[in-house]
Structure formats: C-alpha cells, structure tokens
Amino acid sequence: MPNDNMVVACALKAQADYIITRDNDLLSLENYEDIKIITPEKFIGILRKGLA
C-alpha cells in the first residue's frame, strides 16, 4: 500500500479528478477527497458519454 500512497499524493498535488487503475486496494476506496478512483473501462465509458 505504500506505493498507493504515492499515487494518491500525486493525484492530490495535481488536483486530479480521477485515478484510473486496476489496483484493487485503490479501487476499494472508490473516492479519496474529491478524486474518483475507477477502472480504465469505466473511464472510457465516461469519456464516450462526454462527462469527464
């Protein structure tokens, strides 16, 4: 999980809207602060709908 902490810290610093991952530890969070944590497939669906 320490590597996950680096990913989340980077996303916070970058003010990211999403973390796109297949990592089950991160996916189990679903959200961290205002950052949505989702799979690549779900993100592609969001892009196709024009919601990102």
PDB file of N, CA and C in Angstrom:
ATOM      1  N   MET A   1       0.798  -1.199   0.000  1.00  0.00           N
ATOM      2  CA  MET A   1       0.000   0.000   0.000  1.00  0.00           C
ATOM      3  C   MET A   1       0.849   1.276   0.000  1.00  0.00           C
ATOM      4  N   PRO A   2       2.126   1.241   0.388  1.00  0.00           N
ATOM      5  CA  PRO A   2       2.926   2.477   0.334  1.00  0.00           C
ATOM      6  C   PRO A   2       2.989   3.084  -1.071  1.00  0.00           C
ATOM      7  N   ASN A   3       3.064   2.233  -2.111  1.00  0.00           N
ATOM      8  CA  ASN A   3       3.061   2.767  -3.475  1.00  0.00           C
ATOM      9  C   ASN A   3       1.732   3.441  -3.788  1.00  0.00           C
ATOM     10  N   ASP A   4       0.648   2.908  -3.228  1.00  0.00           N
ATOM     11  CA  ASP A   4      -0.662   3.518  -3.412  1.00  0.00           C
ATOM     12  C   ASP A   4      -0.699   4.911  -2.809  1.00  0.00           C
ATOM     13  N   ASN A   5      -0.040   5.082  -1.673  1.00  0.00           N
ATOM     14  CA  ASN A   5       0.011   6.397  -1.034  1.00  0.00           C
ATOM     15  C   ASN A   5       0.668   7.422  -1.947  1.00  0.00           C
ATOM     16  N   MET A   6       1.706   6.994  -2.652  1.00  0.00           N
ATOM     17  CA  MET A   6       2.381   7.913  -3.581  1.00  0.00           C
ATOM     18  C   MET A   6       1.459   8.306  -4.728  1.00  0.00           C
ATOM     19  N   VAL A   7       0.683   7.359  -5.218  1.00  0.00           N
ATOM     20  CA  VAL A   7      -0.253   7.637  -6.311  1.00  0.00           C
ATOM     21  C   VAL A   7      -1.301   8.643  -5.851  1.00  0.00           C
ATOM     22  N   VAL A   8      -1.859   8.413  -4.678  1.00  0.00           N
ATOM     23  CA  VAL A   8      -2.887   9.316  -4.149  1.00  0.00           C
ATOM     24  C   VAL A   8      -2.293  10.699  -3.874  1.00  0.00           C
ATOM     25  N   ALA A   9      -1.100  10.754  -3.303  1.00  0.00           N
ATOM     26  CA  ALA A   9      -0.462  12.038  -3.032  1.00  0.00           C
ATOM     27  C   ALA A   9      -0.207  12.812  -4.324  1.00  0.00           C
ATOM     28  N   CYS A  10       0.235  12.114  -5.348  1.00  0.00           N
ATOM     29  CA  CYS A  10       0.476  12.749  -6.649  1.00  0.00           C
ATOM     30  C   CYS A  10      -0.830  13.288  -7.230  1.00  0.00           C
ATOM     31  N   ALA A  11      -1.894  12.501  -7.149  1.00  0.00           N
ATOM     32  CA  ALA A  11      -3.197  12.922  -7.667  1.00  0.00           C
ATOM     33  C   ALA A  11      -3.715  14.144  -6.909  1.00  0.00           C
ATOM     34  N   LEU A  12      -3.517  14.161  -5.597  1.00  0.00           N
ATOM     35  CA  LEU A  12      -3.923  15.329  -4.806  1.00  0.00           C
ATOM     36  C   LEU A  12      -3.152  16.571  -5.214  1.00  0.00           C
ATOM     37  N   LYS A  13      -1.850  16.419  -5.345  1.00  0.00           N
ATOM     38  CA  LYS A  13      -0.991  17.551  -5.718  1.00  0.00           C
ATOM     39  C   LYS A  13      -1.370  18.093  -7.099  1.00  0.00           C
ATOM     40  N   ALA A  14      -1.723  17.191  -8.006  1.00  0.00           N
ATOM     41  CA  ALA A  14      -2.084  17.579  -9.371  1.00  0.00           C
ATOM     42  C   ALA A  14      -3.543  18.039  -9.479  1.00  0.00           C
ATOM     43  N   GLN A  15      -4.264  17.961  -8.370  1.00  0.00           N
ATOM     44  CA  GLN A  15      -5.684  18.301  -8.350  1.00  0.00           C
ATOM     45  C   GLN A  15      -6.458  17.491  -9.403  1.00  0.00           C
ATOM     46  N   ALA A  16      -6.149  16.198  -9.457  1.00  0.00           N
ATOM     47  CA  ALA A  16      -6.772  15.296 -10.429  1.00  0.00           C
ATOM     48  C   ALA A  16      -8.244  15.066 -10.088  1.00  0.00           C
ATOM     49  N   ASP A  17      -9.015  14.806 -11.103  1.00  0.00           N
ATOM     50  CA  ASP A  17     -10.414  14.439 -10.915  1.00  0.00           C
ATOM     51  C   ASP A  17     -10.565  12.933 -10.765  1.00  0.00           C
ATOM     52  N   TYR A  18      -9.654  12.196 -11.377  1.00  0.00           N
ATOM     53  CA  TYR A  18      -9.737  10.733 -11.407  1.00  0.00           C
ATOM     54  C   TYR A  18      -8.368  10.106 -11.169  1.00  0.00           C
ATOM     55  N   ILE A  19      -8.388   8.928 -10.556  1.00  0.00           N
ATOM     56  CA  ILE A  19      -7.266   7.994 -10.590  1.00  0.00           C
ATOM     57  C   ILE A  19      -7.799   6.793 -11.363  1.00  0.00           C
ATOM     58  N   ILE A  20      -7.131   6.466 -12.454  1.00  0.00           N
ATOM     59  CA  ILE A  20      -7.535   5.350 -13.304  1.00  0.00           C
ATOM     60  C   ILE A  20      -6.595   4.186 -12.997  1.00  0.00           C
ATOM     61  N   THR A  21      -7.154   3.076 -12.543  1.00  0.00           N
ATOM     62  CA  THR A  21      -6.312   1.985 -12.077  1.00  0.00           C
ATOM     63  C   THR A  21      -7.046   0.650 -12.135  1.00  0.00           C
ATOM     64  N   ARG A  22      -6.276  -0.416 -12.066  1.00  0.00           N
ATOM     65  CA  ARG A  22      -6.833  -1.750 -11.863  1.00  0.00           C
ATOM     66  C   ARG A  22      -6.416  -2.290 -10.494  1.00  0.00           C
ATOM     67  N   ASP A  23      -5.748  -1.466  -9.716  1.00  0.00           N
ATOM     68  CA  ASP A  23      -5.284  -1.850  -8.384  1.00  0.00           C
ATOM     69  C   ASP A  23      -6.483  -1.959  -7.434  1.00  0.00           C
ATOM     70  N   ASN A  24      -6.712  -3.167  -6.927  1.00  0.00           N
ATOM     71  CA  ASN A  24      -7.880  -3.407  -6.084  1.00  0.00           C
ATOM     72  C   ASN A  24      -7.858  -2.627  -4.775  1.00  0.00           C
ATOM     73  N   ASP A  25      -6.675  -2.382  -4.227  1.00  0.00           N
ATOM     74  CA  ASP A  25      -6.596  -1.587  -2.997  1.00  0.00           C
ATOM     75  C   ASP A  25      -7.105  -0.171  -3.233  1.00  0.00           C
ATOM     76  N   LEU A  26      -6.675   0.442  -4.339  1.00  0.00           N
ATOM     77  CA  LEU A  26      -7.146   1.785  -4.657  1.00  0.00           C
ATOM     78  C   LEU A  26      -8.624   1.768  -5.039  1.00  0.00           C
ATOM     79  N   LEU A  27      -9.031   0.816  -5.846  1.00  0.00           N
ATOM     80  CA  LEU A  27     -10.421   0.743  -6.279  1.00  0.00           C
ATOM     81  C   LEU A  27     -11.375   0.575  -5.096  1.00  0.00           C
ATOM     82  N   SER A  28     -10.926  -0.087  -4.056  1.00  0.00           N
ATOM     83  CA  SER A  28     -11.792  -0.284  -2.896  1.00  0.00           C
ATOM     84  C   SER A  28     -12.120   1.034  -2.200  1.00  0.00           C
ATOM     85  N   LEU A  29     -11.284   2.045  -2.395  1.00  0.00           N
ATOM     86  CA  LEU A  29     -11.561   3.363  -1.809  1.00  0.00           C
ATOM     87  C   LEU A  29     -12.721   4.065  -2.510  1.00  0.00           C
ATOM     88  N   GLU A  30     -12.844   3.845  -3.801  1.00  0.00           N
ATOM     89  CA  GLU A  30     -13.844   4.464  -4.675  1.00  0.00           C
ATOM     90  C   GLU A  30     -13.650   5.973  -4.839  1.00  0.00           C
ATOM     91  N   ASN A  31     -13.423   6.679  -3.763  1.00  0.00           N
ATOM     92  CA  ASN A  31     -13.165   8.128  -3.782  1.00  0.00           C
ATOM     93  C   ASN A  31     -12.138   8.446  -2.720  1.00  0.00           C
ATOM     94  N   TYR A  32     -11.348   9.455  -2.989  1.00  0.00           N
ATOM     95  CA  TYR A  32     -10.463   9.984  -1.963  1.00  0.00           C
ATOM     96  C   TYR A  32     -10.542  11.491  -2.082  1.00  0.00           C
ATOM     97  N   GLU A  33     -11.052  12.117  -1.031  1.00  0.00           N
ATOM     98  CA  GLU A  33     -11.393  13.527  -1.079  1.00  0.00           C
ATOM     99  C   GLU A  33     -12.303  13.721  -2.289  1.00  0.00           C
ATOM    100  N   ASP A  34     -11.953  14.538  -3.255  1.00  0.00           N
ATOM    101  CA  ASP A  34     -12.826  14.740  -4.419  1.00  0.00           C
ATOM    102  C   ASP A  34     -12.361  13.948  -5.639  1.00  0.00           C
ATOM    103  N   ILE A  35     -11.452  12.999  -5.460  1.00  0.00           N
ATOM    104  CA  ILE A  35     -10.898  12.237  -6.570  1.00  0.00           C
ATOM    105  C   ILE A  35     -11.636  10.907  -6.689  1.00  0.00           C
ATOM    106  N   LYS A  36     -12.185  10.638  -7.864  1.00  0.00           N
ATOM    107  CA  LYS A  36     -12.858   9.371  -8.127  1.00  0.00           C
ATOM    108  C   LYS A  36     -11.810   8.346  -8.552  1.00  0.00           C
ATOM    109  N   ILE A  37     -11.903   7.146  -8.017  1.00  0.00           N
ATOM    110  CA  ILE A  37     -10.956   6.080  -8.335  1.00  0.00           C
ATOM    111  C   ILE A  37     -11.724   4.988  -9.071  1.00  0.00           C
ATOM    112  N   ILE A  38     -11.397   4.822 -10.363  1.00  0.00           N
ATOM    113  CA  ILE A  38     -12.167   3.930 -11.228  1.00  0.00           C
ATOM    114  C   ILE A  38     -11.257   3.131 -12.156  1.00  0.00           C
ATOM    115  N   THR A  39     -11.857   2.122 -12.788  1.00  0.00           N
ATOM    116  CA  THR A  39     -11.124   1.287 -13.743  1.00  0.00           C
ATOM    117  C   THR A  39     -10.980   2.019 -15.082  1.00  0.00           C
ATOM    118  N   PRO A  40     -10.026   1.582 -15.900  1.00  0.00           N
ATOM    119  CA  PRO A  40      -9.889   2.162 -17.238  1.00  0.00           C
ATOM    120  C   PRO A  40     -11.168   2.013 -18.066  1.00  0.00           C
ATOM    121  N   GLU A  41     -11.820   0.867 -17.943  1.00  0.00           N
ATOM    122  CA  GLU A  41     -13.035   0.627 -18.714  1.00  0.00           C
ATOM    123  C   GLU A  41     -14.148   1.612 -18.341  1.00  0.00           C
ATOM    124  N   LYS A  42     -14.300   1.846 -17.056  1.00  0.00           N
ATOM    125  CA  LYS A  42     -15.318   2.797 -16.618  1.00  0.00           C
ATOM    126  C   LYS A  42     -14.979   4.209 -17.099  1.00  0.00           C
ATOM    127  N   PHE A  43     -13.700   4.564 -17.067  1.00  0.00           N
ATOM    128  CA  PHE A  43     -13.292   5.897 -17.516  1.00  0.00           C
ATOM    129  C   PHE A  43     -13.548   6.077 -19.011  1.00  0.00           C
ATOM    130  N   ILE A  44     -13.285   5.046 -19.788  1.00  0.00           N
ATOM    131  CA  ILE A  44     -13.565   5.122 -21.227  1.00  0.00           C
ATOM    132  C   ILE A  44     -15.052   5.367 -21.452  1.00  0.00           C
ATOM    133  N   GLY A  45     -15.891   4.698 -20.685  1.00  0.00           N
ATOM    134  CA  GLY A  45     -17.324   4.933 -20.776  1.00  0.00           C
ATOM    135  C   GLY A  45     -17.703   6.368 -20.470  1.00  0.00           C
ATOM    136  N   ILE A  46     -17.060   6.944 -19.462  1.00  0.00           N
ATOM    137  CA  ILE A  46     -17.301   8.353 -19.113  1.00  0.00           C
ATOM    138  C   ILE A  46     -16.873   9.262 -20.247  1.00  0.00           C
ATOM    139  N   LEU A  47     -15.707   8.987 -20.836  1.00  0.00           N
ATOM    140  CA  LEU A  47     -15.227   9.802 -21.949  1.00  0.00           C
ATOM    141  C   LEU A  47     -16.181   9.720 -23.133  1.00  0.00           C
ATOM    142  N   ARG A  48     -16.664   8.531 -23.409  1.00  0.00           N
ATOM    143  CA  ARG A  48     -17.585   8.357 -24.537  1.00  0.00           C
ATOM    144  C   ARG A  48     -18.888   9.126 -24.331  1.00  0.00           C
ATOM    145  N   LYS A  49     -19.317   9.253 -23.095  1.00  0.00           N
ATOM    146  CA  LYS A  49     -20.538   9.998 -22.797  1.00  0.00           C
ATOM    147  C   LYS A  49     -20.278  11.501 -22.685  1.00  0.00           C
ATOM    148  N   GLY A  50     -19.008  11.891 -22.688  1.00  0.00           N
ATOM    149  CA  GLY A  50     -18.647  13.302 -22.596  1.00  0.00           C
ATOM    150  C   GLY A  50     -18.842  13.892 -21.219  1.00  0.00           C
ATOM    151  N   LEU A  51     -18.690  13.052 -20.183  1.00  0.00           N
ATOM    152  CA  LEU A  51     -18.916  13.522 -18.818  1.00  0.00           C
ATOM    153  C   LEU A  51     -17.637  13.874 -18.071  1.00  0.00           C
ATOM    154  N   ALA A  52     -16.482  13.626 -18.659  1.00  0.00           N
ATOM    155  CA  ALA A  52     -15.219  13.882 -17.957  1.00  0.00           C
ATOM    156  C   ALA A  52     -14.799  15.326 -18.109  1.00  0.00           C
TER     157      ALA A  52
END
